[in-house]
């Protein structure tokens, strides 16, 4: 998760590498567009996208729904990182849809605010951004994660673009990694694949720790772990491996060398293109084998 250590690591990385900052990303997206940052698959499908509203037990959630323009396809539920639903995640959702999936990217903070919850170019390094984001993060719980997941999966299954006879996937970034696990455990008959990218608090001492839910899942998993997250909690990967082995479920668990917490979204201050592309390729491989 985002904390003082990851903020310090991010600042050191930015100074060392001159990497793309969120503010630079904002300038690019306002000009040439995000497509220049994320490669387009050679066989990319034409897609249709819309901002949608999803009814939940606690109100109406705003979300971004993008899918191939024809046919029915496996659904994928995407949980963003702490900064929430924003252009970078819309682009990531579009890219996934171009590979043949009906993708719902959600605003987990809908109870408090519509997306985007911070201005484009905002960074977690800024105190003003943290003052906005931290209360929003604290407003979520394991219980709201589950009720939201149930509503979002039901929405997907009701769409003509979704083939509800096929298993669904879920992906999560930062805090979203743990939410994918709660989703997979709450809906084992629907979720066939899950992926956590630089996920936070996957293994804790709390009685509701996500790793304790693995026995309720049927999903195959990908855990792409940031190098600095692994340094802080090196035992987490072993605990996850033991949990998935005990449940008899396949899981690819790997520390991505040189990649820091938050390295996957293209607007991240620590975006690592090479490792982000490798993680993306592993996600597609997972979905190709489990959602067919």
C-alpha atoms as a PDB file:
ATOM      1  CA  UNK A   1       0.000   0.000   0.000  1.00  0.00           C
ATOM      2  CA  UNK A   2       0.997   3.639  -0.313  1.00  0.00           C
ATOM      3  CA  UNK A   3       2.943   4.756   2.755  1.00  0.00           C
ATOM      4  CA  UNK A   4       5.981   6.846   3.673  1.00  0.00           C
ATOM      5  CA  UNK A   5       8.370   4.158   2.436  1.00  0.00           C
ATOM      6  CA  UNK A   6       6.749   3.870  -0.986  1.00  0.00           C
ATOM      7  CA  UNK A   7       6.564   7.655  -1.300  1.00  0.00           C
ATOM      8  CA  UNK A   8      10.287   7.921  -0.554  1.00  0.00           C
ATOM      9  CA  UNK A   9      11.068   5.126  -3.017  1.00  0.00           C
ATOM     10  CA  UNK A  10       8.974   6.858  -5.683  1.00  0.00           C
ATOM     11  CA  UNK A  11      10.766  10.167  -5.206  1.00  0.00           C
ATOM     12  CA  UNK A  12      14.172   8.505  -5.437  1.00  0.00           C
ATOM     13  CA  UNK A  13      13.068   6.640  -8.574  1.00  0.00           C
ATOM     14  CA  UNK A  14      11.764   9.822 -10.205  1.00  0.00           C
ATOM     15  CA  UNK A  15      14.972  11.703  -9.517  1.00  0.00           C
ATOM     16  CA  UNK A  16      17.130   8.816 -10.706  1.00  0.00           C
ATOM     17  CA  UNK A  17      15.272   7.897 -13.873  1.00  0.00           C
ATOM     18  CA  UNK A  18      13.481  11.029 -14.972  1.00  0.00           C
ATOM     19  CA  UNK A  19      10.370   8.864 -15.337  1.00  0.00           C
ATOM     20  CA  UNK A  20       7.005  10.107 -16.542  1.00  0.00           C
ATOM     21  CA  UNK A  21       5.175  11.988 -13.807  1.00  0.00           C
ATOM     22  CA  UNK A  22       1.407  12.219 -13.405  1.00  0.00           C
ATOM     23  CA  UNK A  23       1.583  15.892 -14.383  1.00  0.00           C
ATOM     24  CA  UNK A  24       3.485  15.048 -17.561  1.00  0.00           C
ATOM     25  CA  UNK A  25       0.996  12.292 -18.241  1.00  0.00           C
ATOM     26  CA  UNK A  26      -1.811  14.810 -17.919  1.00  0.00           C
ATOM     27  CA  UNK A  27      -0.206  17.029 -20.517  1.00  0.00           C
ATOM     28  CA  UNK A  28       0.202  14.112 -22.879  1.00  0.00           C
ATOM     29  CA  UNK A  29      -3.343  12.871 -22.474  1.00  0.00           C
ATOM     30  CA  UNK A  30      -4.696  16.360 -23.092  1.00  0.00           C
ATOM     31  CA  UNK A  31      -2.663  16.553 -26.295  1.00  0.00           C
ATOM     32  CA  UNK A  32      -1.648  13.494 -28.292  1.00  0.00           C
ATOM     33  CA  UNK A  33      -3.721  11.097 -26.225  1.00  0.00           C
ATOM     34  CA  UNK A  34      -3.091   8.084 -24.024  1.00  0.00           C
ATOM     35  CA  UNK A  35      -2.756   5.673 -26.918  1.00  0.00           C
ATOM     36  CA  UNK A  36       0.829   6.839 -27.371  1.00  0.00           C
ATOM     37  CA  UNK A  37       1.656   5.452 -23.936  1.00  0.00           C
ATOM     38  CA  UNK A  38       0.078   2.008 -24.221  1.00  0.00           C
ATOM     39  CA  UNK A  39       0.845  -0.169 -27.249  1.00  0.00           C
ATOM     40  CA  UNK A  40      -2.164  -1.349 -29.243  1.00  0.00           C
ATOM     41  CA  UNK A  41      -2.407  -5.033 -30.059  1.00  0.00           C
ATOM     42  CA  UNK A  42      -1.896  -5.889 -33.719  1.00  0.00           C
ATOM     43  CA  UNK A  43      -5.249  -7.673 -33.849  1.00  0.00           C
ATOM     44  CA  UNK A  44      -7.055  -5.131 -31.654  1.00  0.00           C
ATOM     45  CA  UNK A  45     -10.826  -5.353 -31.881  1.00  0.00           C
ATOM     46  CA  UNK A  46     -13.040  -2.352 -32.461  1.00  0.00           C
ATOM     47  CA  UNK A  47     -14.603  -1.409 -29.144  1.00  0.00           C
ATOM     48  CA  UNK A  48     -17.529   0.555 -27.771  1.00  0.00           C
ATOM     49  CA  UNK A  49     -17.210   2.520 -24.526  1.00  0.00           C
ATOM     50  CA  UNK A  50     -19.606   4.382 -22.254  1.00  0.00           C
ATOM     51  CA  UNK A  51     -19.806   5.918 -18.819  1.00  0.00           C
ATOM     52  CA  UNK A  52     -22.407   3.892 -16.932  1.00  0.00           C
ATOM     53  CA  UNK A  53     -24.171   3.839 -13.571  1.00  0.00           C
ATOM     54  CA  UNK A  54     -24.551   0.693 -11.509  1.00  0.00           C
ATOM     55  CA  UNK A  55     -27.099   0.222  -8.739  1.00  0.00           C
ATOM     56  CA  UNK A  56     -25.639  -1.107  -5.491  1.00  0.00           C
ATOM     57  CA  UNK A  57     -27.092  -1.623  -1.994  1.00  0.00           C
ATOM     58  CA  UNK A  58     -25.533   1.718  -1.003  1.00  0.00           C
ATOM     59  CA  UNK A  59     -26.484   3.861  -3.987  1.00  0.00           C
ATOM     60  CA  UNK A  60     -25.388   4.355  -7.578  1.00  0.00           C
ATOM     61  CA  UNK A  61     -21.813   3.750  -8.652  1.00  0.00           C
ATOM     62  CA  UNK A  62     -20.289   5.453 -11.661  1.00  0.00           C
ATOM     63  CA  UNK A  63     -18.097   3.282 -13.863  1.00  0.00           C
ATOM     64  CA  UNK A  64     -16.555   2.940 -17.316  1.00  0.00           C
ATOM     65  CA  UNK A  65     -17.787   0.058 -19.484  1.00  0.00           C
ATOM     66  CA  UNK A  66     -15.888  -0.867 -22.642  1.00  0.00           C
ATOM     67  CA  UNK A  67     -16.290  -3.960 -24.809  1.00  0.00           C
ATOM     68  CA  UNK A  68     -15.805  -5.274 -28.347  1.00  0.00           C
ATOM     69  CA  UNK A  69     -18.375  -3.679 -30.631  1.00  0.00           C
ATOM     70  CA  UNK A  70     -19.869  -7.011 -31.659  1.00  0.00           C
ATOM     71  CA  UNK A  71     -20.449 -10.357 -30.002  1.00  0.00           C
ATOM     72  CA  UNK A  72     -20.493 -11.522 -26.385  1.00  0.00           C
ATOM     73  CA  UNK A  73     -17.263 -11.880 -24.443  1.00  0.00           C
ATOM     74  CA  UNK A  74     -15.965 -12.803 -20.975  1.00  0.00           C
ATOM     75  CA  UNK A  75     -16.507 -10.068 -18.416  1.00  0.00           C
ATOM     76  CA  UNK A  76     -13.679  -8.461 -16.471  1.00  0.00           C
ATOM     77  CA  UNK A  77     -14.091  -6.323 -13.347  1.00  0.00           C
ATOM     78  CA  UNK A  78     -11.252  -3.833 -12.775  1.00  0.00           C
ATOM     79  CA  UNK A  79     -10.522  -2.305  -9.353  1.00  0.00           C
ATOM     80  CA  UNK A  80      -8.278   0.788  -9.650  1.00  0.00           C
ATOM     81  CA  UNK A  81      -5.528   1.849  -7.293  1.00  0.00           C
ATOM     82  CA  UNK A  82      -5.913   4.414  -4.503  1.00  0.00           C
ATOM     83  CA  UNK A  83      -6.340   7.365  -6.872  1.00  0.00           C
ATOM     84  CA  UNK A  84      -9.412   5.726  -8.338  1.00  0.00           C
ATOM     85  CA  UNK A  85     -11.091   5.705 -11.735  1.00  0.00           C
ATOM     86  CA  UNK A  86      -9.383   8.147 -14.117  1.00  0.00           C
ATOM     87  CA  UNK A  87      -8.188   8.396 -17.745  1.00  0.00           C
ATOM     88  CA  UNK A  88      -5.234   6.023 -17.254  1.00  0.00           C
ATOM     89  CA  UNK A  89      -7.542   3.250 -16.064  1.00  0.00           C
ATOM     90  CA  UNK A  90     -10.047   3.949 -18.802  1.00  0.00           C
ATOM     91  CA  UNK A  91      -7.225   3.459 -21.298  1.00  0.00           C
ATOM     92  CA  UNK A  92      -6.171   0.235 -19.597  1.00  0.00           C
ATOM     93  CA  UNK A  93      -9.755  -0.978 -19.712  1.00  0.00           C
ATOM     94  CA  UNK A  94      -9.996  -0.098 -23.404  1.00  0.00           C
ATOM     95  CA  UNK A  95      -6.791  -1.973 -24.138  1.00  0.00           C
ATOM     96  CA  UNK A  96      -8.152  -5.064 -22.413  1.00  0.00           C
ATOM     97  CA  UNK A  97     -11.427  -4.791 -24.334  1.00  0.00           C
ATOM     98  CA  UNK A  98      -9.464  -4.635 -27.580  1.00  0.00           C
ATOM     99  CA  UNK A  99      -8.146  -8.082 -26.646  1.00  0.00           C
ATOM    100  CA  UNK A 100     -11.658  -9.496 -26.478  1.00  0.00           C
ATOM    101  CA  UNK A 101     -13.109  -8.771 -23.037  1.00  0.00           C
ATOM    102  CA  UNK A 102     -16.102  -6.813 -21.763  1.00  0.00           C
ATOM    103  CA  UNK A 103     -14.535  -4.606 -19.106  1.00  0.00           C
ATOM    104  CA  UNK A 104     -16.056  -2.645 -16.233  1.00  0.00           C
ATOM    105  CA  UNK A 105     -13.657  -0.216 -14.517  1.00  0.00           C
ATOM    106  CA  UNK A 106     -15.287   1.037 -11.342  1.00  0.00           C
ATOM    107  CA  UNK A 107     -15.170   4.025  -9.028  1.00  0.00           C
ATOM    108  CA  UNK A 108     -14.796   2.404  -5.581  1.00  0.00           C
ATOM    109  CA  UNK A 109     -15.421   5.765  -3.887  1.00  0.00           C
ATOM    110  CA  UNK A 110     -18.871   6.393  -5.360  1.00  0.00           C
ATOM    111  CA  UNK A 111     -20.444   6.675  -1.903  1.00  0.00           C
ATOM    112  CA  UNK A 112     -18.461   9.872  -1.311  1.00  0.00           C
ATOM    113  CA  UNK A 113     -17.651  11.269  -4.758  1.00  0.00           C
ATOM    114  CA  UNK A 114     -17.956  10.681  -8.467  1.00  0.00           C
ATOM    115  CA  UNK A 115     -14.823   9.958 -10.477  1.00  0.00           C
ATOM    116  CA  UNK A 116     -12.305  11.366 -10.948  1.00  0.00           C
ATOM    117  CA  UNK A 117     -11.789  12.166  -7.276  1.00  0.00           C
ATOM    118  CA  UNK A 118      -8.540  14.079  -7.898  1.00  0.00           C
ATOM    119  CA  UNK A 119      -7.439  16.377 -10.682  1.00  0.00           C
ATOM    120  CA  UNK A 120      -5.547  14.923 -13.606  1.00  0.00           C
ATOM    121  CA  UNK A 121      -1.854  14.990 -12.839  1.00  0.00           C
ATOM    122  CA  UNK A 122      -2.391  14.574  -9.087  1.00  0.00           C
ATOM    123  CA  UNK A 123       0.174  12.502  -7.258  1.00  0.00           C
ATOM    124  CA  UNK A 124       0.084  10.693  -3.942  1.00  0.00           C
ATOM    125  CA  UNK A 125       3.335  12.488  -3.099  1.00  0.00           C
ATOM    126  CA  UNK A 126       1.344  15.704  -2.620  1.00  0.00           C
ATOM    127  CA  UNK A 127      -0.134  16.252   0.823  1.00  0.00           C
ATOM    128  CA  UNK A 128      -3.259  17.817  -0.680  1.00  0.00           C
ATOM    129  CA  UNK A 129      -3.902  14.654  -2.690  1.00  0.00           C
ATOM    130  CA  UNK A 130      -3.380  12.455   0.355  1.00  0.00           C
ATOM    131  CA  UNK A 131      -5.862  14.554   2.334  1.00  0.00           C
ATOM    132  CA  UNK A 132      -8.474  13.765  -0.302  1.00  0.00           C
ATOM    133  CA  UNK A 133      -7.616  10.114  -0.855  1.00  0.00           C
ATOM    134  CA  UNK A 134      -6.957   8.797   2.648  1.00  0.00           C
ATOM    135  CA  UNK A 135     -10.500   9.411   3.988  1.00  0.00           C
ATOM    136  CA  UNK A 136     -11.896   7.832   0.830  1.00  0.00           C
ATOM    137  CA  UNK A 137      -9.749   4.752   1.318  1.00  0.00           C
ATOM    138  CA  UNK A 138     -10.827   4.510   4.961  1.00  0.00           C
ATOM    139  CA  UNK A 139     -14.482   4.664   3.895  1.00  0.00           C
ATOM    140  CA  UNK A 140     -14.113   1.229   2.274  1.00  0.00           C
ATOM    141  CA  UNK A 141     -14.229  -2.080   4.120  1.00  0.00           C
ATOM    142  CA  UNK A 142     -14.152  -5.789   3.441  1.00  0.00           C
ATOM    143  CA  UNK A 143     -17.946  -5.755   3.660  1.00  0.00           C
ATOM    144  CA  UNK A 144     -18.426  -2.922   1.153  1.00  0.00           C
ATOM    145  CA  UNK A 145     -15.908  -4.568  -1.166  1.00  0.00           C
ATOM    146  CA  UNK A 146     -18.084  -7.678  -1.267  1.00  0.00           C
ATOM    147  CA  UNK A 147     -21.447  -5.954  -1.724  1.00  0.00           C
ATOM    148  CA  UNK A 148     -19.949  -3.784  -4.452  1.00  0.00           C
ATOM    149  CA  UNK A 149     -18.412  -6.798  -6.183  1.00  0.00           C
ATOM    150  CA  UNK A 150     -21.738  -8.589  -6.200  1.00  0.00           C
ATOM    151  CA  UNK A 151     -23.460  -5.564  -7.756  1.00  0.00           C
ATOM    152  CA  UNK A 152     -20.760  -5.027 -10.374  1.00  0.00           C
ATOM    153  CA  UNK A 153     -20.696  -8.689 -11.412  1.00  0.00           C
ATOM    154  CA  UNK A 154     -24.495  -8.686 -11.656  1.00  0.00           C
ATOM    155  CA  UNK A 155     -24.303  -5.604 -13.880  1.00  0.00           C
ATOM    156  CA  UNK A 156     -21.811  -7.284 -16.187  1.00  0.00           C
ATOM    157  CA  UNK A 157     -23.861 -10.461 -16.409  1.00  0.00           C
ATOM    158  CA  UNK A 158     -26.891  -8.426 -17.491  1.00  0.00           C
ATOM    159  CA  UNK A 159     -25.088  -6.894 -20.492  1.00  0.00           C
ATOM    160  CA  UNK A 160     -25.520  -8.254 -24.024  1.00  0.00           C
ATOM    161  CA  UNK A 161     -21.783  -7.787 -24.576  1.00  0.00           C
ATOM    162  CA  UNK A 162     -20.984 -10.258 -21.767  1.00  0.00           C
ATOM    163  CA  UNK A 163     -21.054 -14.022 -22.269  1.00  0.00           C
ATOM    164  CA  UNK A 164     -22.393 -15.074 -18.875  1.00  0.00           C
ATOM    165  CA  UNK A 165     -21.790 -18.745 -19.689  1.00  0.00           C
ATOM    166  CA  UNK A 166     -18.054 -18.112 -19.407  1.00  0.00           C
ATOM    167  CA  UNK A 167     -16.076 -17.389 -16.267  1.00  0.00           C
ATOM    168  CA  UNK A 168     -15.287 -13.789 -15.398  1.00  0.00           C
ATOM    169  CA  UNK A 169     -11.952 -12.202 -14.517  1.00  0.00           C
ATOM    170  CA  UNK A 170     -11.035  -9.485 -12.045  1.00  0.00           C
ATOM    171  CA  UNK A 171      -7.935  -7.321 -11.796  1.00  0.00           C
ATOM    172  CA  UNK A 172      -6.780  -4.935  -9.105  1.00  0.00           C
ATOM    173  CA  UNK A 173      -3.970  -2.468  -8.533  1.00  0.00           C
ATOM    174  CA  UNK A 174      -2.561  -1.364  -5.154  1.00  0.00           C
ATOM    175  CA  UNK A 175      -5.578  -1.516  -2.800  1.00  0.00           C
ATOM    176  CA  UNK A 176      -7.513  -3.166  -5.626  1.00  0.00           C
ATOM    177  CA  UNK A 177      -5.398  -6.307  -5.346  1.00  0.00           C
ATOM    178  CA  UNK A 178      -6.993  -7.257  -2.045  1.00  0.00           C
ATOM    179  CA  UNK A 179     -10.445  -6.423  -3.405  1.00  0.00           C
ATOM    180  CA  UNK A 180      -9.984  -8.913  -6.242  1.00  0.00           C
ATOM    181  CA  UNK A 181      -9.438 -11.635  -3.657  1.00  0.00           C
ATOM    182  CA  UNK A 182     -12.595 -10.697  -1.790  1.00  0.00           C
ATOM    183  CA  UNK A 183     -14.432 -10.670  -5.111  1.00  0.00           C
ATOM    184  CA  UNK A 184     -13.158 -14.120  -6.064  1.00  0.00           C
ATOM    185  CA  UNK A 185     -14.061 -15.548  -2.647  1.00  0.00           C
ATOM    186  CA  UNK A 186     -17.543 -14.016  -2.596  1.00  0.00           C
ATOM    187  CA  UNK A 187     -18.390 -15.134  -6.139  1.00  0.00           C
ATOM    188  CA  UNK A 188     -16.502 -18.399  -6.708  1.00  0.00           C
ATOM    189  CA  UNK A 189     -18.970 -19.646  -9.310  1.00  0.00           C
ATOM    190  CA  UNK A 190     -18.378 -16.571 -11.488  1.00  0.00           C
ATOM    191  CA  UNK A 191     -14.765 -15.509 -10.969  1.00  0.00           C
ATOM    192  CA  UNK A 192     -12.404 -17.820 -12.818  1.00  0.00           C
ATOM    193  CA  UNK A 193      -9.296 -15.650 -12.815  1.00  0.00           C
ATOM    194  CA  UNK A 194      -7.851 -12.899 -10.666  1.00  0.00           C
ATOM    195  CA  UNK A 195      -4.798 -10.688 -10.954  1.00  0.00           C
ATOM    196  CA  UNK A 196      -3.193  -8.417  -8.373  1.00  0.00           C
ATOM    197  CA  UNK A 197      -0.618  -5.853  -9.468  1.00  0.00           C
ATOM    198  CA  UNK A 198       1.503  -4.325  -6.690  1.00  0.00           C
ATOM    199  CA  UNK A 199      -1.368  -5.272  -4.388  1.00  0.00           C
ATOM    200  CA  UNK A 200      -1.397  -4.005  -0.814  1.00  0.00           C
ATOM    201  CA  UNK A 201      -2.406  -5.764   2.408  1.00  0.00           C
ATOM    202  CA  UNK A 202      -2.894  -9.155   0.791  1.00  0.00           C
ATOM    203  CA  UNK A 203      -1.443 -10.862   3.868  1.00  0.00           C
ATOM    204  CA  UNK A 204      -2.126  -9.356   7.280  1.00  0.00           C
ATOM    205  CA  UNK A 205      -2.650 -10.509  10.858  1.00  0.00           C
ATOM    206  CA  UNK A 206      -6.291  -9.439  10.770  1.00  0.00           C
ATOM    207  CA  UNK A 207      -9.055 -12.046  10.863  1.00  0.00           C
ATOM    208  CA  UNK A 208     -10.333 -10.771   7.507  1.00  0.00           C
ATOM    209  CA  UNK A 209      -6.953 -10.907   5.749  1.00  0.00           C
ATOM    210  CA  UNK A 210      -7.480 -11.661   2.046  1.00  0.00           C
ATOM    211  CA  UNK A 211      -5.117 -14.638   2.075  1.00  0.00           C
ATOM    212  CA  UNK A 212      -7.465 -16.430   4.472  1.00  0.00           C
ATOM    213  CA  UNK A 213     -10.138 -16.404   1.762  1.00  0.00           C
ATOM    214  CA  UNK A 214      -8.236 -18.506  -0.768  1.00  0.00           C
ATOM    215  CA  UNK A 215      -9.984 -21.697   0.320  1.00  0.00           C
ATOM    216  CA  UNK A 216     -13.310 -20.216  -0.799  1.00  0.00           C
ATOM    217  CA  UNK A 217     -12.059 -19.388  -4.309  1.00  0.00           C
ATOM    218  CA  UNK A 218     -12.017 -21.275  -7.572  1.00  0.00           C
ATOM    219  CA  UNK A 219     -10.014 -18.662  -9.432  1.00  0.00           C
ATOM    220  CA  UNK A 220      -6.577 -19.068 -10.947  1.00  0.00           C
ATOM    221  CA  UNK A 221      -4.358 -16.162  -9.954  1.00  0.00           C
ATOM    222  CA  UNK A 222      -1.533 -13.846 -10.936  1.00  0.00           C
ATOM    223  CA  UNK A 223       0.328 -11.875  -8.272  1.00  0.00           C
ATOM    224  CA  UNK A 224       2.769  -9.338  -9.712  1.00  0.00           C
ATOM    225  CA  UNK A 225       4.639  -8.012  -6.680  1.00  0.00           C
ATOM    226  CA  UNK A 226       6.624  -4.776  -6.514  1.00  0.00           C
ATOM    227  CA  UNK A 227      10.242  -5.107  -5.477  1.00  0.00           C
ATOM    228  CA  UNK A 228       9.938  -2.630  -2.606  1.00  0.00           C
ATOM    229  CA  UNK A 229       6.706  -4.234  -1.369  1.00  0.00           C
ATOM    230  CA  UNK A 230       8.564  -7.544  -1.236  1.00  0.00           C
ATOM    231  CA  UNK A 231      11.388  -5.955   0.752  1.00  0.00           C
ATOM    232  CA  UNK A 232       8.918  -4.743   3.369  1.00  0.00           C
ATOM    233  CA  UNK A 233       7.006  -8.018   3.572  1.00  0.00           C
ATOM    234  CA  UNK A 234       9.153 -10.814   2.125  1.00  0.00           C
ATOM    235  CA  UNK A 235       7.106 -13.546   3.764  1.00  0.00           C
ATOM    236  CA  UNK A 236       3.888 -12.559   1.983  1.00  0.00           C
ATOM    237  CA  UNK A 237       4.703 -14.429  -1.217  1.00  0.00           C
ATOM    238  CA  UNK A 238       5.329 -17.635   0.746  1.00  0.00           C
ATOM    239  CA  UNK A 239       2.064 -17.267   2.653  1.00  0.00           C
ATOM    240  CA  UNK A 240       0.189 -16.742  -0.615  1.00  0.00           C
ATOM    241  CA  UNK A 241       1.910 -19.751  -2.194  1.00  0.00           C
ATOM    242  CA  UNK A 242       1.032 -21.965   0.759  1.00  0.00           C
ATOM    243  CA  UNK A 243      -2.595 -20.798   0.687  1.00  0.00           C
ATOM    244  CA  UNK A 244      -3.047 -21.493  -3.018  1.00  0.00           C
ATOM    245  CA  UNK A 245      -1.231 -24.825  -2.822  1.00  0.00           C
ATOM    246  CA  UNK A 246      -3.474 -25.882   0.058  1.00  0.00           C
ATOM    247  CA  UNK A 247      -6.545 -24.939  -1.986  1.00  0.00           C
ATOM    248  CA  UNK A 248      -5.238 -26.745  -5.065  1.00  0.00           C
ATOM    249  CA  UNK A 249      -5.451 -23.575  -7.147  1.00  0.00           C
ATOM    250  CA  UNK A 250      -2.832 -22.412  -9.666  1.00  0.00           C
ATOM    251  CA  UNK A 251      -1.157 -19.103  -8.850  1.00  0.00           C
ATOM    252  CA  UNK A 252       1.712 -17.313 -10.549  1.00  0.00           C
ATOM    253  CA  UNK A 253       3.492 -15.333  -7.829  1.00  0.00           C
ATOM    254  CA  UNK A 254       6.468 -13.256  -8.850  1.00  0.00           C
ATOM    255  CA  UNK A 255       8.465 -10.274  -7.637  1.00  0.00           C
ATOM    256  CA  UNK A 256       9.118  -7.904 -10.535  1.00  0.00           C
ATOM    257  CA  UNK A 257      12.713  -6.739 -10.150  1.00  0.00           C
ATOM    258  CA  UNK A 258      13.269  -3.019 -10.461  1.00  0.00           C
ATOM    259  CA  UNK A 259       9.529  -2.308 -10.347  1.00  0.00           C
ATOM    260  CA  UNK A 260       8.269  -0.214  -7.445  1.00  0.00           C
ATOM    261  CA  UNK A 261       4.841  -0.052  -5.867  1.00  0.00           C
ATOM    262  CA  UNK A 262       2.529   1.494  -8.457  1.00  0.00           C
ATOM    263  CA  UNK A 263       4.596   0.625 -11.529  1.00  0.00           C
ATOM    264  CA  UNK A 264       1.753  -0.570 -13.808  1.00  0.00           C
ATOM    265  CA  UNK A 265      -0.591   2.401 -14.511  1.00  0.00           C
ATOM    266  CA  UNK A 266       0.945   4.588 -17.231  1.00  0.00           C
ATOM    267  CA  UNK A 267       0.303   7.784 -15.267  1.00  0.00           C
ATOM    268  CA  UNK A 268       2.298   6.573 -12.271  1.00  0.00           C
ATOM    269  CA  UNK A 269       5.414   8.417 -11.137  1.00  0.00           C
ATOM    270  CA  UNK A 270       7.153   5.023 -11.013  1.00  0.00           C
ATOM    271  CA  UNK A 271       5.708   3.614 -14.242  1.00  0.00           C
ATOM    272  CA  UNK A 272       8.090   0.923 -15.506  1.00  0.00           C
ATOM    273  CA  UNK A 273       7.166   0.294 -19.121  1.00  0.00           C
ATOM    274  CA  UNK A 274       9.136  -2.922 -19.608  1.00  0.00           C
ATOM    275  CA  UNK A 275       7.870  -4.589 -16.461  1.00  0.00           C
ATOM    276  CA  UNK A 276       4.343  -3.224 -16.937  1.00  0.00           C
ATOM    277  CA  UNK A 277       4.249  -4.788 -20.403  1.00  0.00           C
ATOM    278  CA  UNK A 278       5.510  -8.081 -19.046  1.00  0.00           C
ATOM    279  CA  UNK A 279       2.841  -8.054 -16.342  1.00  0.00           C
ATOM    280  CA  UNK A 280       0.218  -7.231 -18.987  1.00  0.00           C
ATOM    281  CA  UNK A 281       1.345 -10.185 -21.108  1.00  0.00           C
ATOM    282  CA  UNK A 282       1.019 -12.498 -18.110  1.00  0.00           C
ATOM    283  CA  UNK A 283      -2.498 -11.161 -17.493  1.00  0.00           C
ATOM    284  CA  UNK A 284      -3.529 -11.927 -21.062  1.00  0.00           C
ATOM    285  CA  UNK A 285      -2.023 -15.408 -20.792  1.00  0.00           C
ATOM    286  CA  UNK A 286      -3.988 -16.032 -17.587  1.00  0.00           C
ATOM    287  CA  UNK A 287      -7.262 -14.907 -19.143  1.00  0.00           C
ATOM    288  CA  UNK A 288      -6.677 -16.867 -22.352  1.00  0.00           C
ATOM    289  CA  UNK A 289      -6.296 -20.104 -20.395  1.00  0.00           C
ATOM    290  CA  UNK A 290      -9.019 -19.607 -17.774  1.00  0.00           C
ATOM    291  CA  UNK A 291     -11.798 -17.575 -19.384  1.00  0.00           C
ATOM    292  CA  UNK A 292     -12.033 -19.440 -22.694  1.00  0.00           C
END
